Amino acid sequence: QVQLVESGGGLVQAGGSLRLSCAASGRTFSTYAMAWFRQSPGKEREFVADISRSSGDFTYYAGSVKGRFTISRDNAKNTVYLQMSNLLPEDTAVYYCAAALVRPVTTRGDLRAYDYWGQGTQVTVSS
């Protein structure tokens, strides 16, 4: 069982930056691929970024955030991060982290591919 707790959300002006954290319980954090999703009111939850298990050598980003967001992980701290820069009002959403033990990369955007989810943290970007 893995519990995920996100933090770091808040209110920021357009063009600003935030860093989200997702702390995981358990001793097997490094065995999970980790991802960030987001959900705006009235919209479906959408994929934002993911990072491969173990050393996190591989990352992938949604086109809408590529070049602005950076995902990273620190296995010693059981934590995955999402550094968000040059934020836009359309980035406003609840951000969720998710963990997948076995997940083909082709399913990275499929919510059903993930075993555990956090409760989410609100990010609001004002114009």
Foldseek 3Di string as FASTA:
>chain_A
DKAKAKDWADEEAQQAKTKMKIAMDDLCLQLWKKFKWWDDPPDDIWGAKIFHGHQRPDMDGDPVQPPFWDWHDDSVRRMIMIIGGSDDQVVWTWMKMFIANDADPVCRTPPVRTDDMYPTDTHGYHD
